[in-house]
């Protein structure tokens, strides 16, 4: 595992370029065709690629996007600028998440509590309706807008002003070139509406139902699924192999599958690690393994049962 942590990283800038190129090509297709349905599909896919880009900011925070610590910081700042969010507060809160996972100070736990993902629901339908769809209709787009247009409490006014000025300049340049609406449709709106929803889905898959566990081996969930789901929700592997990321945060995203293979063969408690098959539904190939949403609902119900006194 030490060898995987120390493995050189030179592909980070290329990963960023690929994700931005995918978003640009998708926008070009939407603009060229112009059909309303295709426009909506392109907006959704761009929001998904923006989540992939956010995963690369996460790599930079852990100084594993590229070899240089300084380059990681620079790429992190620039990527966050394009994504309309502050880099330094995100880095600080993410470090708290790792250091105090499951504690009252953990920002992930706070998000679960504020969005009602910490309490049991009658069934998966109720969970999806209230925790996913309910938040997607208002709380998540509001959060996306406030992140873009607002100032984080621990963000400097200089950093916030720079971010606002850069976005205003980009919007003005797009408008001057006759693409102001395109900039809004194919970058700003996906960032406000789609990306927060995709991020919430991946956040739920990471720790929901497990975060209160006192055993660090059982605080985090991993999952696998069909190729399409892996592409849409598992960009750059981190969310699918999240337990390994928390145990070995210096392992780059490309090495996470190899790390899982090593641990599966040699770690005696591997069978205790929560690992799901499928995200929304159980896979027919593994009907005995719960999907992510089934596992969350069942785990929350189990916690409620364990808290209730015997009668």
Protein backbone atom coordinates (compact mmCIF):
# COMPACT_ATOMS: atom_id res chain seq x y z
CA UNK A 1 0.00 0.00 0.00
CA UNK A 2 2.93 2.31 0.67
CA UNK A 3 4.03 1.79 -2.93
CA UNK A 4 0.59 2.87 -4.18
CA UNK A 5 0.67 5.97 -1.98
CA UNK A 6 4.11 6.91 -3.30
CA UNK A 7 3.39 6.18 -6.97
CA UNK A 8 4.19 9.16 -9.20
CA UNK A 9 1.39 11.27 -10.65
CA UNK A 10 1.73 13.14 -13.89
CA UNK A 11 -1.74 12.72 -15.42
CA UNK A 12 -3.67 15.25 -13.32
CA UNK A 13 -3.55 18.15 -15.83
CA UNK A 14 -4.62 15.73 -18.58
CA UNK A 15 -7.53 14.55 -16.44
CA UNK A 16 -8.66 18.14 -16.03
CA UNK A 17 -8.31 18.76 -19.77
CA UNK A 18 -10.37 15.66 -20.61
CA UNK A 19 -13.23 16.68 -18.34
CA UNK A 20 -13.29 20.25 -19.63
CA UNK A 21 -13.09 18.98 -23.22
CA UNK A 22 -16.01 16.61 -22.59
CA UNK A 23 -18.07 19.51 -21.22
CA UNK A 24 -17.11 21.73 -24.18
CA UNK A 25 -17.98 19.08 -26.77
CA UNK A 26 -21.30 18.42 -25.05
CA UNK A 27 -22.09 22.14 -25.07
CA UNK A 28 -21.13 22.38 -28.75
CA UNK A 29 -23.50 19.52 -29.61
CA UNK A 30 -26.33 21.17 -27.68
CA UNK A 31 -25.74 24.55 -29.32
CA UNK A 32 -25.45 23.07 -32.81
CA UNK A 33 -28.54 20.88 -32.65
CA UNK A 34 -30.62 23.23 -30.54
CA UNK A 35 -33.44 20.78 -29.77
CA UNK A 36 -34.93 21.47 -26.31
CA UNK A 37 -34.76 17.83 -25.19
CA UNK A 38 -31.14 17.49 -26.30
CA UNK A 39 -30.36 20.81 -24.63
CA UNK A 40 -31.69 19.44 -21.31
CA UNK A 41 -29.73 16.21 -21.73
CA UNK A 42 -26.54 18.14 -22.47
CA UNK A 43 -27.07 20.35 -19.42
CA UNK A 44 -27.45 17.30 -17.20
CA UNK A 45 -24.34 15.66 -18.61
CA UNK A 46 -22.30 18.84 -18.21
CA UNK A 47 -23.41 18.98 -14.56
CA UNK A 48 -22.15 15.42 -14.16
CA UNK A 49 -18.78 16.33 -15.69
CA UNK A 50 -18.62 19.28 -13.31
CA UNK A 51 -18.89 16.77 -10.47
CA UNK A 52 -16.02 14.85 -12.06
CA UNK A 53 -14.01 18.07 -12.08
CA UNK A 54 -14.85 18.55 -8.41
CA UNK A 55 -13.39 15.09 -7.78
CA UNK A 56 -10.14 16.36 -9.29
CA UNK A 57 -10.18 19.32 -6.92
CA UNK A 58 -10.45 16.69 -4.20
CA UNK A 59 -7.34 15.02 -5.63
CA UNK A 60 -5.54 18.36 -5.47
CA UNK A 61 -6.54 18.86 -1.83
CA UNK A 62 -4.86 15.55 -1.01
CA UNK A 63 -1.82 16.63 -3.10
CA UNK A 64 -2.25 13.73 -5.51
CA UNK A 65 -3.45 15.48 -8.68
CA UNK A 66 0.18 16.02 -9.68
CA UNK A 67 3.61 15.60 -8.10
CA UNK A 68 4.16 19.19 -6.98
CA UNK A 69 2.41 20.45 -3.83
CA UNK A 70 2.44 23.98 -5.24
CA UNK A 71 1.00 22.81 -8.56
CA UNK A 72 -1.78 20.99 -6.71
CA UNK A 73 -2.70 24.23 -4.95
CA UNK A 74 -2.63 26.24 -8.18
CA UNK A 75 -4.72 23.71 -10.12
CA UNK A 76 -7.11 23.47 -7.15
CA UNK A 77 -7.64 27.22 -7.06
CA UNK A 78 -8.14 27.48 -10.83
CA UNK A 79 -10.52 24.52 -10.99
CA UNK A 80 -12.58 25.87 -8.09
CA UNK A 81 -12.69 29.28 -9.81
CA UNK A 82 -14.23 27.68 -12.89
CA UNK A 83 -16.66 25.76 -10.67
CA UNK A 84 -17.66 28.93 -8.83
CA UNK A 85 -16.59 27.80 -5.37
CA UNK A 86 -13.83 28.82 -2.93
CA UNK A 87 -10.84 26.49 -2.72
CA UNK A 88 -9.44 27.28 0.72
CA UNK A 89 -12.70 26.79 2.69
CA UNK A 90 -13.35 23.53 0.84
CA UNK A 91 -9.86 22.29 1.65
CA UNK A 92 -10.28 23.25 5.29
CA UNK A 93 -13.71 21.63 5.68
CA UNK A 94 -12.57 18.47 3.90
CA UNK A 95 -9.66 18.09 6.27
CA UNK A 96 -12.09 18.40 9.18
CA UNK A 97 -14.24 15.70 7.55
CA UNK A 98 -11.30 13.30 7.48
CA UNK A 99 -10.03 14.17 10.95
CA UNK A 100 -13.43 14.14 12.68
CA UNK A 101 -15.53 11.74 10.61
CA UNK A 102 -18.90 11.19 12.28
CA UNK A 103 -18.38 13.79 15.00
CA UNK A 104 -20.61 16.87 15.45
CA UNK A 105 -17.88 18.90 13.72
CA UNK A 106 -17.96 16.75 10.58
CA UNK A 107 -19.43 18.83 7.70
CA UNK A 108 -20.69 15.65 6.02
CA UNK A 109 -22.69 14.68 9.09
CA UNK A 110 -24.08 18.20 9.27
CA UNK A 111 -25.27 17.97 5.67
CA UNK A 112 -27.00 14.65 6.42
CA UNK A 113 -28.78 16.17 9.41
CA UNK A 114 -29.85 19.36 7.61
CA UNK A 115 -31.16 17.40 4.61
CA UNK A 116 -32.91 14.66 6.64
CA UNK A 117 -30.62 11.82 5.57
CA UNK A 118 -29.75 10.79 9.13
CA UNK A 119 -33.14 9.50 10.30
CA UNK A 120 -35.02 6.34 9.26
CA UNK A 121 -37.73 6.48 6.59
CA UNK A 122 -40.51 3.91 6.10
CA UNK A 123 -39.03 2.54 2.88
CA UNK A 124 -36.79 3.37 -0.07
CA UNK A 125 -39.60 5.21 -1.88
CA UNK A 126 -40.01 7.61 1.05
CA UNK A 127 -36.25 8.09 1.30
CA UNK A 128 -35.95 8.88 -2.40
CA UNK A 129 -38.99 11.18 -2.32
CA UNK A 130 -37.92 13.27 0.66
CA UNK A 131 -34.15 13.00 0.87
CA UNK A 132 -33.28 13.01 -2.83
CA UNK A 133 -36.18 14.51 -4.81
CA UNK A 134 -37.31 16.86 -2.05
CA UNK A 135 -33.84 18.33 -1.65
CA UNK A 136 -33.30 18.41 -5.42
CA UNK A 137 -36.34 20.63 -5.90
CA UNK A 138 -35.12 23.45 -3.66
CA UNK A 139 -32.36 22.96 -1.09
CA UNK A 140 -29.67 21.72 -3.48
CA UNK A 141 -30.17 24.37 -6.24
CA UNK A 142 -30.33 27.03 -3.51
CA UNK A 143 -27.06 25.73 -2.13
CA UNK A 144 -25.53 25.77 -5.62
CA UNK A 145 -26.62 29.38 -6.19
CA UNK A 146 -25.41 30.58 -2.79
CA UNK A 147 -22.07 28.86 -3.31
CA UNK A 148 -21.63 30.64 -6.63
CA UNK A 149 -23.01 34.06 -5.72
CA UNK A 150 -22.29 34.15 -1.99
CA UNK A 151 -19.24 34.24 0.23
CA UNK A 152 -18.21 31.37 2.50
CA UNK A 153 -17.86 32.33 6.15
CA UNK A 154 -14.14 31.57 6.19
CA UNK A 155 -13.45 32.89 2.69
CA UNK A 156 -11.53 36.15 2.39
CA UNK A 157 -13.22 39.08 0.70
CA UNK A 158 -10.29 39.21 -1.74
CA UNK A 159 -10.84 35.60 -2.80
CA UNK A 160 -14.60 36.06 -3.10
CA UNK A 161 -14.17 39.29 -5.06
CA UNK A 162 -11.74 37.61 -7.44
CA UNK A 163 -14.18 34.77 -8.01
CA UNK A 164 -17.10 37.13 -8.67
CA UNK A 165 -15.00 39.33 -10.97
CA UNK A 166 -13.80 36.33 -12.99
CA UNK A 167 -17.32 35.04 -13.42
CA UNK A 168 -18.63 38.50 -14.37
CA UNK A 169 -15.84 38.84 -16.95
CA UNK A 170 -16.61 35.43 -18.44
CA UNK A 171 -20.33 36.20 -18.63
CA UNK A 172 -19.64 39.58 -20.23
CA UNK A 173 -17.23 38.04 -22.76
CA UNK A 174 -19.76 35.35 -23.64
CA UNK A 175 -22.48 37.95 -24.09
CA UNK A 176 -20.23 40.11 -26.26
CA UNK A 177 -19.58 37.10 -28.49
CA UNK A 178 -23.29 36.37 -28.75
CA UNK A 179 -23.17 33.31 -26.45
CA UNK A 180 -24.44 34.75 -23.18
CA UNK A 181 -27.45 32.42 -23.10
CA UNK A 182 -25.24 29.49 -24.05
CA UNK A 183 -22.90 30.28 -21.13
CA UNK A 184 -25.89 30.28 -18.81
CA UNK A 185 -27.43 27.09 -20.22
CA UNK A 186 -24.27 25.03 -20.63
CA UNK A 187 -22.18 26.06 -17.65
CA UNK A 188 -23.87 28.23 -15.01
CA UNK A 189 -27.22 26.42 -14.76
CA UNK A 190 -25.72 22.92 -14.66
CA UNK A 191 -23.41 24.18 -11.94
CA UNK A 192 -26.32 25.52 -9.87
CA UNK A 193 -28.94 22.86 -10.54
CA UNK A 194 -27.36 19.58 -11.67
CA UNK A 195 -23.97 19.35 -10.04
CA UNK A 196 -25.29 19.77 -6.43
CA UNK A 197 -27.75 16.93 -7.04
CA UNK A 198 -25.05 14.62 -8.40
CA UNK A 199 -22.77 15.56 -5.50
CA UNK A 200 -25.56 14.81 -3.02
CA UNK A 201 -26.11 11.38 -4.55
CA UNK A 202 -22.42 10.55 -4.27
CA UNK A 203 -22.25 11.97 -0.73
CA UNK A 204 -25.13 9.72 0.31
CA UNK A 205 -23.30 6.73 -1.12
CA UNK A 206 -20.19 7.57 0.90
CA UNK A 207 -21.41 7.58 4.51
CA UNK A 208 -25.21 7.80 4.85
CA UNK A 209 -26.47 5.38 7.49
CA UNK A 210 -22.92 4.49 8.51
CA UNK A 211 -21.33 7.73 9.64
CA UNK A 212 -22.34 7.29 13.32
CA UNK A 213 -20.53 3.95 13.53
CA UNK A 214 -17.68 3.95 16.05
CA UNK A 215 -15.77 1.35 14.04
CA UNK A 216 -13.81 3.16 11.32
CA UNK A 217 -13.98 0.05 9.12
CA UNK A 218 -17.76 0.38 8.98
CA UNK A 219 -18.15 4.15 8.67
CA UNK A 220 -17.82 4.32 4.90
CA UNK A 221 -19.46 2.49 2.00
CA UNK A 222 -18.00 1.36 -1.30
CA UNK A 223 -19.98 0.23 -4.30
CA UNK A 224 -19.84 -0.95 -7.88
CA UNK A 225 -22.41 -1.01 -10.65
CA UNK A 226 -22.95 -1.14 -14.40
CA UNK A 227 -20.64 0.87 -16.65
CA UNK A 228 -23.17 3.69 -17.17
CA UNK A 229 -23.80 4.21 -13.46
CA UNK A 230 -20.08 4.02 -12.76
CA UNK A 231 -19.48 6.74 -15.34
CA UNK A 232 -22.27 9.02 -14.16
CA UNK A 233 -21.82 8.73 -10.38
CA UNK A 234 -18.40 7.13 -9.94
CA UNK A 235 -16.18 9.54 -11.83
CA UNK A 236 -12.49 9.09 -11.01
CA UNK A 237 -13.19 6.12 -8.72
CA UNK A 238 -13.09 7.97 -5.40
CA UNK A 239 -16.79 7.65 -4.56
CA UNK A 240 -16.95 3.96 -5.47
CA UNK A 241 -13.83 3.11 -3.42
CA UNK A 242 -14.49 5.58 -0.63
CA UNK A 243 -13.54 3.31 2.31
CA UNK A 244 -10.07 2.87 0.85
CA UNK A 245 -9.77 6.61 0.30
CA UNK A 246 -10.44 7.26 3.99
CA UNK A 247 -7.91 4.64 5.09
CA UNK A 248 -5.26 5.68 2.57
CA UNK A 249 -6.06 9.25 1.45
CA UNK A 250 -2.76 9.58 -0.44
CA UNK A 251 -3.59 6.86 -2.94
CA UNK A 252 -4.48 8.40 -6.31
CA UNK A 253 -7.79 7.63 -7.96
CA UNK A 254 -6.22 5.40 -10.63
CA UNK A 255 -4.68 3.13 -7.98
CA UNK A 256 -7.84 2.66 -5.89
CA UNK A 257 -9.06 -0.49 -7.76
CA UNK A 258 -5.60 -2.06 -7.35
CA UNK A 259 -5.65 -1.16 -3.66
CA UNK A 260 -9.08 -2.83 -3.33
CA UNK A 261 -7.71 -6.02 -4.89
CA UNK A 262 -4.76 -6.08 -2.46
CA UNK A 263 -6.96 -5.46 0.57
CA UNK A 264 -9.51 -8.05 -0.54
CA UNK A 265 -6.77 -10.67 -0.62
CA UNK A 266 -4.79 -9.72 2.47
CA UNK A 267 -6.89 -7.66 4.90
CA UNK A 268 -8.60 -10.01 7.39
CA UNK A 269 -11.55 -7.65 8.04
CA UNK A 270 -12.33 -6.95 4.40
CA UNK A 271 -15.62 -8.88 4.58
CA UNK A 272 -16.82 -6.41 7.24
CA UNK A 273 -16.46 -3.42 4.93
CA UNK A 274 -19.87 -2.20 3.66
CA UNK A 275 -19.82 -2.78 -0.08
CA UNK A 276 -22.88 -2.49 -2.31
CA UNK A 277 -23.70 -3.64 -5.82
CA UNK A 278 -25.70 -1.09 -7.80
CA UNK A 279 -26.71 2.37 -6.71
CA UNK A 280 -30.45 2.80 -7.23
CA UNK A 281 -31.37 -0.88 -7.71
CA UNK A 282 -29.87 -4.27 -6.95
CA UNK A 283 -28.04 -5.80 -9.85
CA UNK A 284 -29.43 -9.04 -11.25
CA UNK A 285 -25.93 -10.49 -11.26
CA UNK A 286 -25.64 -10.01 -7.48
CA UNK A 287 -29.19 -10.16 -6.03
CA UNK A 288 -27.84 -11.07 -2.57
CA UNK A 289 -25.88 -7.80 -2.28
CA UNK A 290 -27.89 -4.65 -1.52
CA UNK A 291 -27.70 -1.56 -3.68
CA UNK A 292 -26.61 1.70 -2.08
CA UNK A 293 -30.11 3.06 -1.43
CA UNK A 294 -31.38 -0.26 -0.03
CA UNK A 295 -28.39 -0.44 2.28
CA UNK A 296 -28.88 3.13 3.56
CA UNK A 297 -32.56 2.59 4.34
CA UNK A 298 -31.93 -0.77 6.03
CA UNK A 299 -29.02 0.58 8.08
CA UNK A 300 -31.01 3.58 9.31
CA UNK A 301 -33.86 1.27 10.37
CA UNK A 302 -31.40 -1.00 12.18
CA UNK A 303 -29.98 1.96 14.09
CA UNK A 304 -33.49 2.97 15.17
CA UNK A 305 -34.19 -0.58 16.41
CA UNK A 306 -30.94 -0.68 18.37
CA UNK A 307 -31.71 2.68 20.04
CA UNK A 308 -35.19 1.60 21.16
CA UNK A 309 -35.39 -0.02 24.62
CA UNK A 310 -36.57 -3.62 24.84
CA UNK A 311 -40.26 -3.97 25.64
